[in-house]
Amino acid sequence: MIRDYAQYLLRNKRYESIKINQRIIHVLELLIIKGPIELKKFLNSPEVQGIYGKQSASTQSRDLVKMIMANLIKVDKDKGVVEVNYTLLDSLTYNV
């Protein structure tokens, strides 16, 4: 469900205040698979390094901030752990 919401944000980024990109979608999918993980360990994992290999470190930081601002992820600064923010699903409403 969180993956669907992120895809929705990507498809409708022209109309949404939250501008995400395909890299963010990939990183979010990795976090869904890995579950809660230390932020440093996650950012240094081969999968994330593969996504950001040709990008600068500031691009990676900007994407991380965008994910936090969009409430897609949450970072526990005390423990240094990053995880998907599943509580976001409680507040989403879909107009069908």
PDB file of N, CA and C in Angstrom:
ATOM      1  N   MET A   1       0.811  -1.185   0.000  1.00  0.00           N
ATOM      2  CA  MET A   1       0.000   0.000   0.000  1.00  0.00           C
ATOM      3  C   MET A   1       0.868   1.268   0.000  1.00  0.00           C
ATOM      4  N   ILE A   2       1.922   1.272   0.795  1.00  0.00           N
ATOM      5  CA  ILE A   2       2.815   2.439   0.819  1.00  0.00           C
ATOM      6  C   ILE A   2       3.515   2.590  -0.523  1.00  0.00           C
ATOM      7  N   ARG A   3       3.812   1.465  -1.157  1.00  0.00           N
ATOM      8  CA  ARG A   3       4.424   1.478  -2.485  1.00  0.00           C
ATOM      9  C   ARG A   3       3.463   2.106  -3.498  1.00  0.00           C
ATOM     10  N   ASP A   4       2.187   1.781  -3.379  1.00  0.00           N
ATOM     11  CA  ASP A   4       1.180   2.357  -4.270  1.00  0.00           C
ATOM     12  C   ASP A   4       1.087   3.874  -4.098  1.00  0.00           C
ATOM     13  N   TYR A   5       1.137   4.320  -2.847  1.00  0.00           N
ATOM     14  CA  TYR A   5       1.082   5.758  -2.579  1.00  0.00           C
ATOM     15  C   TYR A   5       2.299   6.469  -3.164  1.00  0.00           C
ATOM     16  N   ALA A   6       3.463   5.871  -3.014  1.00  0.00           N
ATOM     17  CA  ALA A   6       4.682   6.476  -3.569  1.00  0.00           C
ATOM     18  C   ALA A   6       4.605   6.531  -5.095  1.00  0.00           C
ATOM     19  N   GLN A   7       4.092   5.479  -5.711  1.00  0.00           N
ATOM     20  CA  GLN A   7       3.917   5.473  -7.169  1.00  0.00           C
ATOM     21  C   GLN A   7       2.927   6.558  -7.595  1.00  0.00           C
ATOM     22  N   TYR A   8       1.875   6.739  -6.813  1.00  0.00           N
ATOM     23  CA  TYR A   8       0.898   7.797  -7.081  1.00  0.00           C
ATOM     24  C   TYR A   8       1.573   9.167  -7.038  1.00  0.00           C
ATOM     25  N   LEU A   9       2.399   9.395  -6.014  1.00  0.00           N
ATOM     26  CA  LEU A   9       3.112  10.677  -5.914  1.00  0.00           C
ATOM     27  C   LEU A   9       4.029  10.900  -7.111  1.00  0.00           C
ATOM     28  N   LEU A  10       4.671   9.834  -7.569  1.00  0.00           N
ATOM     29  CA  LEU A  10       5.563   9.941  -8.718  1.00  0.00           C
ATOM     30  C   LEU A  10       4.783  10.271  -9.991  1.00  0.00           C
ATOM     31  N   ARG A  11       3.681   9.563 -10.200  1.00  0.00           N
ATOM     32  CA  ARG A  11       2.871   9.798 -11.408  1.00  0.00           C
ATOM     33  C   ARG A  11       2.244  11.181 -11.431  1.00  0.00           C
ATOM     34  N   ASN A  12       1.916  11.714 -10.262  1.00  0.00           N
ATOM     35  CA  ASN A  12       1.217  12.991 -10.177  1.00  0.00           C
ATOM     36  C   ASN A  12       2.089  14.105  -9.619  1.00  0.00           C
ATOM     37  N   LYS A  13       3.387  14.014  -9.823  1.00  0.00           N
ATOM     38  CA  LYS A  13       4.272  15.013  -9.212  1.00  0.00           C
ATOM     39  C   LYS A  13       4.049  16.415  -9.755  1.00  0.00           C
ATOM     40  N   ARG A  14       3.459  16.523 -10.924  1.00  0.00           N
ATOM     41  CA  ARG A  14       3.113  17.848 -11.446  1.00  0.00           C
ATOM     42  C   ARG A  14       2.095  18.547 -10.578  1.00  0.00           C
ATOM     43  N   TYR A  15       1.216  17.765  -9.992  1.00  0.00           N
ATOM     44  CA  TYR A  15       0.085  18.317  -9.251  1.00  0.00           C
ATOM     45  C   TYR A  15       0.253  18.252  -7.742  1.00  0.00           C
ATOM     46  N   GLU A  16       1.225  17.524  -7.286  1.00  0.00           N
ATOM     47  CA  GLU A  16       1.440  17.346  -5.849  1.00  0.00           C
ATOM     48  C   GLU A  16       2.519  18.298  -5.353  1.00  0.00           C
ATOM     49  N   SER A  17       2.412  18.661  -4.077  1.00  0.00           N
ATOM     50  CA  SER A  17       3.444  19.518  -3.491  1.00  0.00           C
ATOM     51  C   SER A  17       4.716  18.729  -3.207  1.00  0.00           C
ATOM     52  N   ILE A  18       4.584  17.411  -3.102  1.00  0.00           N
ATOM     53  CA  ILE A  18       5.719  16.531  -2.844  1.00  0.00           C
ATOM     54  C   ILE A  18       6.265  16.056  -4.187  1.00  0.00           C
ATOM     55  N   LYS A  19       7.490  16.418  -4.499  1.00  0.00           N
ATOM     56  CA  LYS A  19       8.115  16.030  -5.764  1.00  0.00           C
ATOM     57  C   LYS A  19       9.105  14.904  -5.505  1.00  0.00           C
ATOM     58  N   ILE A  20       8.717  13.683  -5.863  1.00  0.00           N
ATOM     59  CA  ILE A  20       9.637  12.568  -5.686  1.00  0.00           C
ATOM     60  C   ILE A  20      10.069  12.057  -7.053  1.00  0.00           C
ATOM     61  N   ASN A  21      11.118  11.245  -7.051  1.00  0.00           N
ATOM     62  CA  ASN A  21      11.663  10.725  -8.305  1.00  0.00           C
ATOM     63  C   ASN A  21      11.779   9.203  -8.232  1.00  0.00           C
ATOM     64  N   GLN A  22      12.223   8.621  -9.318  1.00  0.00           N
ATOM     65  CA  GLN A  22      12.302   7.164  -9.399  1.00  0.00           C
ATOM     66  C   GLN A  22      13.313   6.591  -8.415  1.00  0.00           C
ATOM     67  N   ARG A  23      14.382   7.324  -8.126  1.00  0.00           N
ATOM     68  CA  ARG A  23      15.371   6.842  -7.144  1.00  0.00           C
ATOM     69  C   ARG A  23      14.713   6.650  -5.785  1.00  0.00           C
ATOM     70  N   ILE A  24      13.853   7.582  -5.414  1.00  0.00           N
ATOM     71  CA  ILE A  24      13.166   7.494  -4.123  1.00  0.00           C
ATOM     72  C   ILE A  24      12.288   6.248  -4.081  1.00  0.00           C
ATOM     73  N   ILE A  25      11.622   5.946  -5.181  1.00  0.00           N
ATOM     74  CA  ILE A  25      10.794   4.744  -5.256  1.00  0.00           C
ATOM     75  C   ILE A  25      11.651   3.504  -5.023  1.00  0.00           C
ATOM     76  N   HIS A  26      12.805   3.434  -5.666  1.00  0.00           N
ATOM     77  CA  HIS A  26      13.698   2.280  -5.504  1.00  0.00           C
ATOM     78  C   HIS A  26      14.196   2.157  -4.064  1.00  0.00           C
ATOM     79  N   VAL A  27      14.587   3.277  -3.467  1.00  0.00           N
ATOM     80  CA  VAL A  27      15.084   3.249  -2.089  1.00  0.00           C
ATOM     81  C   VAL A  27      13.969   2.818  -1.141  1.00  0.00           C
ATOM     82  N   LEU A  28      12.769   3.319  -1.366  1.00  0.00           N
ATOM     83  CA  LEU A  28      11.639   2.938  -0.528  1.00  0.00           C
ATOM     84  C   LEU A  28      11.351   1.438  -0.636  1.00  0.00           C
ATOM     85  N   GLU A  29      11.435   0.901  -1.836  1.00  0.00           N
ATOM     86  CA  GLU A  29      11.230  -0.538  -2.018  1.00  0.00           C
ATOM     87  C   GLU A  29      12.298  -1.344  -1.280  1.00  0.00           C
ATOM     88  N   LEU A  30      13.531  -0.860  -1.296  1.00  0.00           N
ATOM     89  CA  LEU A  30      14.592  -1.538  -0.547  1.00  0.00           C
ATOM     90  C   LEU A  30      14.297  -1.531   0.948  1.00  0.00           C
ATOM     91  N   LEU A  31      13.799  -0.397   1.450  1.00  0.00           N
ATOM     92  CA  LEU A  31      13.473  -0.313   2.875  1.00  0.00           C
ATOM     93  C   LEU A  31      12.306  -1.220   3.244  1.00  0.00           C
ATOM     94  N   ILE A  32      11.356  -1.359   2.338  1.00  0.00           N
ATOM     95  CA  ILE A  32      10.233  -2.270   2.590  1.00  0.00           C
ATOM     96  C   ILE A  32      10.759  -3.694   2.734  1.00  0.00           C
ATOM     97  N   ILE A  33      11.700  -4.067   1.870  1.00  0.00           N
ATOM     98  CA  ILE A  33      12.261  -5.421   1.901  1.00  0.00           C
ATOM     99  C   ILE A  33      13.130  -5.633   3.144  1.00  0.00           C
ATOM    100  N   LYS A  34      13.998  -4.665   3.446  1.00  0.00           N
ATOM    101  CA  LYS A  34      14.961  -4.833   4.534  1.00  0.00           C
ATOM    102  C   LYS A  34      14.359  -4.630   5.913  1.00  0.00           C
ATOM    103  N   GLY A  35      13.311  -3.816   6.016  1.00  0.00           N
ATOM    104  CA  GLY A  35      12.734  -3.506   7.323  1.00  0.00           C
ATOM    105  C   GLY A  35      13.591  -2.474   8.041  1.00  0.00           C
ATOM    106  N   PRO A  36      13.348  -2.264   9.341  1.00  0.00           N
ATOM    107  CA  PRO A  36      14.146  -1.294  10.100  1.00  0.00           C
ATOM    108  C   PRO A  36      15.633  -1.668  10.058  1.00  0.00           C
ATOM    109  N   ILE A  37      16.464  -0.673   9.755  1.00  0.00           N
ATOM    110  CA  ILE A  37      17.901  -0.926   9.600  1.00  0.00           C
ATOM    111  C   ILE A  37      18.658   0.340   9.993  1.00  0.00           C
ATOM    112  N   GLU A  38      19.876   0.160  10.444  1.00  0.00           N
ATOM    113  CA  GLU A  38      20.713   1.325  10.780  1.00  0.00           C
ATOM    114  C   GLU A  38      20.906   2.177   9.533  1.00  0.00           C
ATOM    115  N   LEU A  39      20.780   3.471   9.694  1.00  0.00           N
ATOM    116  CA  LEU A  39      20.847   4.387   8.556  1.00  0.00           C
ATOM    117  C   LEU A  39      22.182   4.288   7.830  1.00  0.00           C
ATOM    118  N   LYS A  40      23.283   4.292   8.579  1.00  0.00           N
ATOM    119  CA  LYS A  40      24.608   4.204   7.945  1.00  0.00           C
ATOM    120  C   LYS A  40      24.770   2.902   7.168  1.00  0.00           C
ATOM    121  N   LYS A  41      24.325   1.819   7.777  1.00  0.00           N
ATOM    122  CA  LYS A  41      24.428   0.513   7.131  1.00  0.00           C
ATOM    123  C   LYS A  41      23.589   0.492   5.856  1.00  0.00           C
ATOM    124  N   PHE A  42      22.400   1.074   5.918  1.00  0.00           N
ATOM    125  CA  PHE A  42      21.521   1.101   4.751  1.00  0.00           C
ATOM    126  C   PHE A  42      22.115   1.950   3.632  1.00  0.00           C
ATOM    127  N   LEU A  43      22.582   3.153   3.961  1.00  0.00           N
ATOM    128  CA  LEU A  43      23.131   4.048   2.933  1.00  0.00           C
ATOM    129  C   LEU A  43      24.403   3.503   2.305  1.00  0.00           C
ATOM    130  N   ASN A  44      25.122   2.667   3.036  1.00  0.00           N
ATOM    131  CA  ASN A  44      26.353   2.074   2.504  1.00  0.00           C
ATOM    132  C   ASN A  44      26.144   0.699   1.878  1.00  0.00           C
ATOM    133  N   SER A  45      24.893   0.237   1.839  1.00  0.00           N
ATOM    134  CA  SER A  45      24.622  -1.077   1.250  1.00  0.00           C
ATOM    135  C   SER A  45      24.859  -1.032  -0.261  1.00  0.00           C
ATOM    136  N   PRO A  46      25.232  -2.160  -0.850  1.00  0.00           N
ATOM    137  CA  PRO A  46      25.504  -2.189  -2.294  1.00  0.00           C
ATOM    138  C   PRO A  46      24.303  -1.776  -3.143  1.00  0.00           C
ATOM    139  N   GLU A  47      23.105  -2.090  -2.672  1.00  0.00           N
ATOM    140  CA  GLU A  47      21.906  -1.734  -3.441  1.00  0.00           C
ATOM    141  C   GLU A  47      21.739  -0.221  -3.536  1.00  0.00           C
ATOM    142  N   VAL A  48      21.876   0.454  -2.396  1.00  0.00           N
ATOM    143  CA  VAL A  48      21.731   1.917  -2.385  1.00  0.00           C
ATOM    144  C   VAL A  48      22.893   2.564  -3.125  1.00  0.00           C
ATOM    145  N   GLN A  49      24.091   2.023  -2.965  1.00  0.00           N
ATOM    146  CA  GLN A  49      25.242   2.556  -3.688  1.00  0.00           C
ATOM    147  C   GLN A  49      25.058   2.391  -5.192  1.00  0.00           C
ATOM    148  N   GLY A  50      24.407   1.326  -5.612  1.00  0.00           N
ATOM    149  CA  GLY A  50      24.119   1.127  -7.031  1.00  0.00           C
ATOM    150  C   GLY A  50      23.147   2.164  -7.570  1.00  0.00           C
ATOM    151  N   ILE A  51      22.174   2.547  -6.757  1.00  0.00           N
ATOM    152  CA  ILE A  51      21.204   3.568  -7.175  1.00  0.00           C
ATOM    153  C   ILE A  51      21.869   4.931  -7.284  1.00  0.00           C
ATOM    154  N   TYR A  52      22.728   5.246  -6.330  1.00  0.00           N
ATOM    155  CA  TYR A  52      23.350   6.573  -6.279  1.00  0.00           C
ATOM    156  C   TYR A  52      24.788   6.579  -6.775  1.00  0.00           C
ATOM    157  N   GLY A  53      25.220   5.544  -7.462  1.00  0.00           N
ATOM    158  CA  GLY A  53      26.598   5.429  -7.902  1.00  0.00           C
ATOM    159  C   GLY A  53      27.118   6.629  -8.683  1.00  0.00           C
ATOM    160  N   LYS A  54      26.330   7.119  -9.624  1.00  0.00           N
ATOM    161  CA  LYS A  54      26.774   8.238 -10.467  1.00  0.00           C
ATOM    162  C   LYS A  54      26.302   9.583  -9.942  1.00  0.00           C
ATOM    163  N   GLN A  55      25.579   9.574  -8.839  1.00  0.00           N
ATOM    164  CA  GLN A  55      25.046  10.811  -8.268  1.00  0.00           C
ATOM    165  C   GLN A  55      25.980  11.330  -7.179  1.00  0.00           C
ATOM    166  N   SER A  56      25.825  12.598  -6.858  1.00  0.00           N
ATOM    167  CA  SER A  56      26.642  13.180  -5.794  1.00  0.00           C
ATOM    168  C   SER A  56      26.026  12.839  -4.437  1.00  0.00           C
ATOM    169  N   ALA A  57      26.801  13.035  -3.394  1.00  0.00           N
ATOM    170  CA  ALA A  57      26.320  12.769  -2.036  1.00  0.00           C
ATOM    171  C   ALA A  57      25.169  13.699  -1.674  1.00  0.00           C
ATOM    172  N   SER A  58      25.188  14.912  -2.218  1.00  0.00           N
ATOM    173  CA  SER A  58      24.102  15.846  -1.917  1.00  0.00           C
ATOM    174  C   SER A  58      22.776  15.383  -2.530  1.00  0.00           C
ATOM    175  N   THR A  59      22.833  14.685  -3.660  1.00  0.00           N
ATOM    176  CA  THR A  59      21.612  14.136  -4.260  1.00  0.00           C
ATOM    177  C   THR A  59      21.013  13.090  -3.337  1.00  0.00           C
ATOM    178  N   GLN A  60      21.840  12.237  -2.789  1.00  0.00           N
ATOM    179  CA  GLN A  60      21.377  11.219  -1.855  1.00  0.00           C
ATOM    180  C   GLN A  60      20.762  11.878  -0.620  1.00  0.00           C
ATOM    181  N   SER A  61      21.389  12.927  -0.113  1.00  0.00           N
ATOM    182  CA  SER A  61      20.866  13.642   1.052  1.00  0.00           C
ATOM    183  C   SER A  61      19.532  14.308   0.740  1.00  0.00           C
ATOM    184  N   ARG A  62      19.424  14.925  -0.426  1.00  0.00           N
ATOM    185  CA  ARG A  62      18.168  15.570  -0.829  1.00  0.00           C
ATOM    186  C   ARG A  62      17.042  14.558  -0.933  1.00  0.00           C
ATOM    187  N   ASP A  63      17.328  13.411  -1.515  1.00  0.00           N
ATOM    188  CA  ASP A  63      16.306  12.377  -1.638  1.00  0.00           C
ATOM    189  C   ASP A  63      15.866  11.882  -0.261  1.00  0.00           C
ATOM    190  N   LEU A  64      16.803  11.729   0.644  1.00  0.00           N
ATOM    191  CA  LEU A  64      16.479  11.294   1.994  1.00  0.00           C
ATOM    192  C   LEU A  64      15.576  12.324   2.688  1.00  0.00           C
ATOM    193  N   VAL A  65      15.899  13.590   2.538  1.00  0.00           N
ATOM    194  CA  VAL A  65      15.082  14.657   3.127  1.00  0.00           C
ATOM    195  C   VAL A  65      13.687  14.664   2.505  1.00  0.00           C
ATOM    196  N   LYS A  66      13.602  14.463   1.204  1.00  0.00           N
ATOM    197  CA  LYS A  66      12.294  14.411   0.544  1.00  0.00           C
ATOM    198  C   LYS A  66      11.445  13.272   1.089  1.00  0.00           C
ATOM    199  N   MET A  67      12.063  12.111   1.323  1.00  0.00           N
ATOM    200  CA  MET A  67      11.322  10.972   1.864  1.00  0.00           C
ATOM    201  C   MET A  67      10.829  11.258   3.285  1.00  0.00           C
ATOM    202  N   ILE A  68      11.655  11.946   4.060  1.00  0.00           N
ATOM    203  CA  ILE A  68      11.253  12.305   5.425  1.00  0.00           C
ATOM    204  C   ILE A  68      10.138  13.341   5.381  1.00  0.00           C
ATOM    205  N   MET A  69      10.274  14.346   4.540  1.00  0.00           N
ATOM    206  CA  MET A  69       9.263  15.407   4.434  1.00  0.00           C
ATOM    207  C   MET A  69       7.930  14.865   3.912  1.00  0.00           C
ATOM    208  N   ALA A  70       7.976  13.848   3.079  1.00  0.00           N
ATOM    209  CA  ALA A  70       6.759  13.230   2.547  1.00  0.00           C
ATOM    210  C   ALA A  70       6.200  12.186   3.512  1.00  0.00           C
ATOM    211  N   ASN A  71       6.846  12.019   4.658  1.00  0.00           N
ATOM    212  CA  ASN A  71       6.459  11.028   5.665  1.00  0.00           C
ATOM    213  C   ASN A  71       6.493   9.598   5.142  1.00  0.00           C
ATOM    214  N   LEU A  72       7.289   9.342   4.126  1.00  0.00           N
ATOM    215  CA  LEU A  72       7.423   7.982   3.608  1.00  0.00           C
ATOM    216  C   LEU A  72       8.303   7.132   4.510  1.00  0.00           C
ATOM    217  N   ILE A  73       9.276   7.781   5.148  1.00  0.00           N
ATOM    218  CA  ILE A  73      10.168   7.074   6.069  1.00  0.00           C
ATOM    219  C   ILE A  73      10.264   7.860   7.369  1.00  0.00           C
ATOM    220  N   LYS A  74      10.729   7.175   8.388  1.00  0.00           N
ATOM    221  CA  LYS A  74      11.023   7.862   9.646  1.00  0.00           C
ATOM    222  C   LYS A  74      12.391   7.410  10.133  1.00  0.00           C
ATOM    223  N   VAL A  75      13.112   8.348  10.714  1.00  0.00           N
ATOM    224  CA  VAL A  75      14.461   8.094  11.192  1.00  0.00           C
ATOM    225  C   VAL A  75      14.484   8.332  12.692  1.00  0.00           C
ATOM    226  N   ASP A  76      14.893   7.324  13.431  1.00  0.00           N
ATOM    227  CA  ASP A  76      15.072   7.460  14.870  1.00  0.00           C
ATOM    228  C   ASP A  76      16.498   7.952  15.090  1.00  0.00           C
ATOM    229  N   LYS A  77      16.617   9.223  15.413  1.00  0.00           N
ATOM    230  CA  LYS A  77      17.952   9.821  15.531  1.00  0.00           C
ATOM    231  C   LYS A  77      18.732   9.273  16.723  1.00  0.00           C
ATOM    232  N   ASP A  78      18.023   8.851  17.773  1.00  0.00           N
ATOM    233  CA  ASP A  78      18.716   8.297  18.942  1.00  0.00           C
ATOM    234  C   ASP A  78      19.375   6.967  18.619  1.00  0.00           C
ATOM    235  N   LYS A  79      18.646   6.109  17.931  1.00  0.00           N
ATOM    236  CA  LYS A  79      19.151   4.778  17.590  1.00  0.00           C
ATOM    237  C   LYS A  79      19.850   4.744  16.240  1.00  0.00           C
ATOM    238  N   GLY A  80      19.626   5.776  15.399  1.00  0.00           N
ATOM    239  CA  GLY A  80      20.220   5.793  14.070  1.00  0.00           C
ATOM    240  C   GLY A  80      19.566   4.800  13.126  1.00  0.00           C
ATOM    241  N   VAL A  81      18.279   4.517  13.340  1.00  0.00           N
ATOM    242  CA  VAL A  81      17.559   3.519  12.558  1.00  0.00           C
ATOM    243  C   VAL A  81      16.580   4.215  11.620  1.00  0.00           C
ATOM    244  N   VAL A  82      16.510   3.710  10.393  1.00  0.00           N
ATOM    245  CA  VAL A  82      15.561   4.216   9.408  1.00  0.00           C
ATOM    246  C   VAL A  82      14.581   3.095   9.075  1.00  0.00           C
ATOM    247  N   GLU A  83      13.313   3.466   8.879  1.00  0.00           N
ATOM    248  CA  GLU A  83      12.297   2.479   8.526  1.00  0.00           C
ATOM    249  C   GLU A  83      11.172   3.158   7.760  1.00  0.00           C
ATOM    250  N   VAL A  84      10.372   2.353   7.102  1.00  0.00           N
ATOM    251  CA  VAL A  84       9.215   2.852   6.362  1.00  0.00           C
ATOM    252  C   VAL A  84       8.173   3.320   7.364  1.00  0.00           C
ATOM    253  N   ASN A  85       7.539   4.444   7.071  1.00  0.00           N
ATOM    254  CA  ASN A  85       6.525   5.012   7.957  1.00  0.00           C
ATOM    255  C   ASN A  85       5.144   4.456   7.590  1.00  0.00           C
ATOM    256  N   TYR A  86       4.832   3.289   8.126  1.00  0.00           N
ATOM    257  CA  TYR A  86       3.552   2.655   7.808  1.00  0.00           C
ATOM    258  C   TYR A  86       2.373   3.372   8.462  1.00  0.00           C
ATOM    259  N   THR A  87       2.628   4.217   9.462  1.00  0.00           N
ATOM    260  CA  THR A  87       1.528   4.954  10.087  1.00  0.00           C
ATOM    261  C   THR A  87       0.913   5.957   9.128  1.00  0.00           C
ATOM    262  N   LEU A  88       1.618   6.290   8.077  1.00  0.00           N
ATOM    263  CA  LEU A  88       1.085   7.181   7.047  1.00  0.00           C
ATOM    264  C   LEU A  88      -0.174   6.594   6.421  1.00  0.00           C
ATOM    265  N   LEU A  89      -0.247   5.292   6.354  1.00  0.00           N
ATOM    266  CA  LEU A  89      -1.406   4.629   5.726  1.00  0.00           C
ATOM    267  C   LEU A  89      -2.699   4.892   6.484  1.00  0.00           C
ATOM    268  N   ASP A  90      -2.606   5.145   7.784  1.00  0.00           N
ATOM    269  CA  ASP A  90      -3.804   5.417   8.583  1.00  0.00           C
ATOM    270  C   ASP A  90      -4.476   6.723   8.190  1.00  0.00           C
ATOM    271  N   SER A  91      -3.692   7.674   7.704  1.00  0.00           N
ATOM    272  CA  SER A  91      -4.244   8.997   7.407  1.00  0.00           C
ATOM    273  C   SER A  91      -4.567   9.214   5.926  1.00  0.00           C
ATOM    274  N   LEU A  92      -4.238   8.249   5.083  1.00  0.00           N
ATOM    275  CA  LEU A  92      -4.523   8.400   3.643  1.00  0.00           C
ATOM    276  C   LEU A  92      -5.984   8.108   3.354  1.00  0.00           C
ATOM    277  N   THR A  93      -6.554   8.916   2.455  1.00  0.00           N
ATOM    278  CA  THR A  93      -7.898   8.643   1.963  1.00  0.00           C
ATOM    279  C   THR A  93      -7.855   8.692   0.438  1.00  0.00           C
ATOM    280  N   TYR A  94      -8.566   7.772  -0.161  1.00  0.00           N
ATOM    281  CA  TYR A  94      -8.627   7.700  -1.608  1.00  0.00           C
ATOM    282  C   TYR A  94     -10.036   8.076  -2.061  1.00  0.00           C
ATOM    283  N   ASN A  95     -10.095   8.932  -3.047  1.00  0.00           N
ATOM    284  CA  ASN A  95     -11.372   9.294  -3.642  1.00  0.00           C
ATOM    285  C   ASN A  95     -11.578   8.445  -4.868  1.00  0.00           C
ATOM    286  N   VAL A  96     -12.528   7.566  -4.805  1.00  0.00           N
ATOM    287  CA  VAL A  96     -12.779   6.654  -5.914  1.00  0.00           C
ATOM    288  C   VAL A  96     -14.047   7.046  -6.635  1.00  0.00           C
TER     289      VAL A  96
END
